[in-house]
Amino acid sequence: MDALRGASSWRMSIRDVFAVNLRKRRLERGLSQEELAHLAKIDRTYVSSLERCEYSVTIDRLDALATVLGIAAYELLRPESAADPNAPEGHDPNPARGDQ
């Protein structure tokens, strides 16, 4: 964890990571916000707000969204799966990982 803090002054917040991953996975599945919301039994405006980082997701909603998307909940929180278009050029979202 300390290696991540010292490696770069730029870092996405967990809410940003979640928002990017949620939208990416939703689009990969070909789902609209409305379709995802219906399947997860939540309101479409909530999905929109999550993707715009207006709300923090609850653990229960995280699980419901991940289930609908067919992935493990942790995958929505993994920084390395988020490709942020605002990241500095050449930015590695997980610099301490190295080649594994």
C-alpha atoms as a PDB file:
ATOM      1  CA  MET A   1       0.000   0.000   0.000  1.00  0.00           C
ATOM      2  CA  ASP A   2       2.814   2.438   0.826  1.00  0.00           C
ATOM      3  CA  ALA A   3       4.379   1.679  -2.551  1.00  0.00           C
ATOM      4  CA  LEU A   4       1.172   2.783  -4.237  1.00  0.00           C
ATOM      5  CA  ARG A   5       1.065   6.039  -2.289  1.00  0.00           C
ATOM      6  CA  GLY A   6       4.649   6.969  -3.049  1.00  0.00           C
ATOM      7  CA  ALA A   7       4.700   5.873  -6.680  1.00  0.00           C
ATOM      8  CA  SER A   8       2.557   8.654  -8.063  1.00  0.00           C
ATOM      9  CA  SER A   9       0.862  11.791  -6.856  1.00  0.00           C
ATOM     10  CA  TRP A  10      -2.092  11.019  -9.139  1.00  0.00           C
ATOM     11  CA  ARG A  11      -4.506   8.310  -8.082  1.00  0.00           C
ATOM     12  CA  MET A  12      -8.160   7.613  -8.814  1.00  0.00           C
ATOM     13  CA  SER A  13     -10.479   7.523  -5.806  1.00  0.00           C
ATOM     14  CA  ILE A  14     -12.292   4.243  -5.144  1.00  0.00           C
ATOM     15  CA  ARG A  15     -15.538   5.965  -6.143  1.00  0.00           C
ATOM     16  CA  ASP A  16     -13.979   6.957  -9.496  1.00  0.00           C
ATOM     17  CA  VAL A  17     -12.654   3.439 -10.033  1.00  0.00           C
ATOM     18  CA  PHE A  18     -16.082   1.969  -9.313  1.00  0.00           C
ATOM     19  CA  ALA A  19     -17.835   4.443 -11.636  1.00  0.00           C
ATOM     20  CA  VAL A  20     -15.453   3.736 -14.535  1.00  0.00           C
ATOM     21  CA  ASN A  21     -15.668  -0.034 -14.036  1.00  0.00           C
ATOM     22  CA  LEU A  22     -19.457  -0.034 -13.696  1.00  0.00           C
ATOM     23  CA  ARG A  23     -19.939   1.860 -16.945  1.00  0.00           C
ATOM     24  CA  LYS A  24     -17.297  -0.215 -18.758  1.00  0.00           C
ATOM     25  CA  ARG A  25     -18.821  -3.547 -17.665  1.00  0.00           C
ATOM     26  CA  ARG A  26     -22.379  -2.357 -18.381  1.00  0.00           C
ATOM     27  CA  LEU A  27     -21.429  -1.334 -21.916  1.00  0.00           C
ATOM     28  CA  GLU A  28     -19.483  -4.573 -22.473  1.00  0.00           C
ATOM     29  CA  ARG A  29     -22.702  -6.454 -21.673  1.00  0.00           C
ATOM     30  CA  GLY A  30     -24.672  -4.228 -24.056  1.00  0.00           C
ATOM     31  CA  LEU A  31     -26.945  -2.983 -21.284  1.00  0.00           C
ATOM     32  CA  SER A  32     -28.489   0.453 -20.950  1.00  0.00           C
ATOM     33  CA  GLN A  33     -28.584   2.069 -17.531  1.00  0.00           C
ATOM     34  CA  GLU A  34     -32.303   1.344 -17.465  1.00  0.00           C
ATOM     35  CA  GLU A  35     -31.810  -2.357 -18.277  1.00  0.00           C
ATOM     36  CA  LEU A  36     -29.092  -2.746 -15.653  1.00  0.00           C
ATOM     37  CA  ALA A  37     -31.215  -0.977 -13.058  1.00  0.00           C
ATOM     38  CA  HIS A  38     -34.239  -3.165 -13.825  1.00  0.00           C
ATOM     39  CA  LEU A  39     -32.234  -6.376 -13.557  1.00  0.00           C
ATOM     40  CA  ALA A  40     -30.575  -5.231 -10.312  1.00  0.00           C
ATOM     41  CA  LYS A  41     -33.908  -4.017  -8.932  1.00  0.00           C
ATOM     42  CA  ILE A  42     -32.716  -0.442  -8.438  1.00  0.00           C
ATOM     43  CA  ASP A  43     -33.688   2.898  -9.947  1.00  0.00           C
ATOM     44  CA  ARG A  44     -32.132   3.991 -13.245  1.00  0.00           C
ATOM     45  CA  THR A  45     -31.262   7.393 -11.798  1.00  0.00           C
ATOM     46  CA  TYR A  46     -29.234   5.618  -9.099  1.00  0.00           C
ATOM     47  CA  VAL A  47     -27.170   3.821 -11.753  1.00  0.00           C
ATOM     48  CA  SER A  48     -26.629   7.135 -13.528  1.00  0.00           C
ATOM     49  CA  SER A  49     -25.584   8.804 -10.271  1.00  0.00           C
ATOM     50  CA  LEU A  50     -23.150   5.979  -9.497  1.00  0.00           C
ATOM     51  CA  GLU A  51     -21.547   6.299 -12.925  1.00  0.00           C
ATOM     52  CA  ARG A  52     -21.168  10.060 -12.378  1.00  0.00           C
ATOM     53  CA  CYS A  53     -19.682   9.603  -8.882  1.00  0.00           C
ATOM     54  CA  GLU A  54     -22.567  11.423  -7.225  1.00  0.00           C
ATOM     55  CA  TYR A  55     -23.291   8.581  -4.773  1.00  0.00           C
ATOM     56  CA  SER A  56     -21.256   5.924  -3.042  1.00  0.00           C
ATOM     57  CA  VAL A  57     -22.510   2.420  -3.676  1.00  0.00           C
ATOM     58  CA  THR A  58     -23.659   0.310  -0.735  1.00  0.00           C
ATOM     59  CA  ILE A  59     -22.220  -3.173  -0.324  1.00  0.00           C
ATOM     60  CA  ASP A  60     -25.619  -4.736  -1.067  1.00  0.00           C
ATOM     61  CA  ARG A  61     -26.035  -2.723  -4.292  1.00  0.00           C
ATOM     62  CA  LEU A  62     -22.447  -3.521  -5.286  1.00  0.00           C
ATOM     63  CA  ASP A  63     -23.259  -7.208  -4.965  1.00  0.00           C
ATOM     64  CA  ALA A  64     -26.529  -6.870  -6.915  1.00  0.00           C
ATOM     65  CA  LEU A  65     -24.848  -4.968  -9.762  1.00  0.00           C
ATOM     66  CA  ALA A  66     -21.948  -7.418  -9.950  1.00  0.00           C
ATOM     67  CA  THR A  67     -24.349 -10.370  -9.999  1.00  0.00           C
ATOM     68  CA  VAL A  68     -26.294  -8.882 -12.912  1.00  0.00           C
ATOM     69  CA  LEU A  69     -23.028  -8.156 -14.745  1.00  0.00           C
ATOM     70  CA  GLY A  70     -21.845 -11.727 -14.144  1.00  0.00           C
ATOM     71  CA  ILE A  71     -18.688 -10.755 -12.278  1.00  0.00           C
ATOM     72  CA  ALA A  72     -17.355 -10.856  -8.722  1.00  0.00           C
ATOM     73  CA  ALA A  73     -18.071  -7.677  -6.761  1.00  0.00           C
ATOM     74  CA  TYR A  74     -14.362  -6.966  -6.223  1.00  0.00           C
ATOM     75  CA  GLU A  75     -13.901  -6.590  -9.983  1.00  0.00           C
ATOM     76  CA  LEU A  76     -15.877  -3.349  -9.863  1.00  0.00           C
ATOM     77  CA  LEU A  77     -13.417  -1.987  -7.293  1.00  0.00           C
ATOM     78  CA  ARG A  78     -10.122  -3.021  -8.940  1.00  0.00           C
ATOM     79  CA  PRO A  79      -8.112   0.005 -10.108  1.00  0.00           C
ATOM     80  CA  GLU A  80      -6.237  -1.942 -12.775  1.00  0.00           C
ATOM     81  CA  SER A  81      -9.490  -2.759 -14.559  1.00  0.00           C
ATOM     82  CA  ALA A  82     -10.403   0.924 -14.780  1.00  0.00           C
ATOM     83  CA  ALA A  83      -9.112   2.790 -17.802  1.00  0.00           C
ATOM     84  CA  ASP A  84      -9.509   6.449 -16.862  1.00  0.00           C
ATOM     85  CA  PRO A  85      -9.344   8.759 -19.886  1.00  0.00           C
ATOM     86  CA  ASN A  86      -8.242  11.602 -17.573  1.00  0.00           C
ATOM     87  CA  ALA A  87      -5.178   9.756 -16.284  1.00  0.00           C
ATOM     88  CA  PRO A  88      -1.843  11.394 -17.023  1.00  0.00           C
ATOM     89  CA  GLU A  89      -0.155  10.023 -20.155  1.00  0.00           C
ATOM     90  CA  GLY A  90       1.838   6.909 -19.373  1.00  0.00           C
ATOM     91  CA  HIS A  91       0.127   6.512 -15.988  1.00  0.00           C
ATOM     92  CA  ASP A  92       0.142   2.989 -14.599  1.00  0.00           C
ATOM     93  CA  PRO A  93      -2.895   2.614 -12.289  1.00  0.00           C
ATOM     94  CA  ASN A  94      -1.103  -0.137 -10.375  1.00  0.00           C
ATOM     95  CA  PRO A  95       2.608   0.752 -10.409  1.00  0.00           C
ATOM     96  CA  ALA A  96       3.564  -1.545  -7.524  1.00  0.00           C
ATOM     97  CA  ARG A  97       2.217  -4.643  -9.279  1.00  0.00           C
ATOM     98  CA  GLY A  98       5.114  -5.137 -11.682  1.00  0.00           C
ATOM     99  CA  ASP A  99       5.138  -8.132 -14.015  1.00  0.00           C
ATOM    100  CA  GLN A 100       3.142 -10.940 -12.501  1.00  0.00           C
END
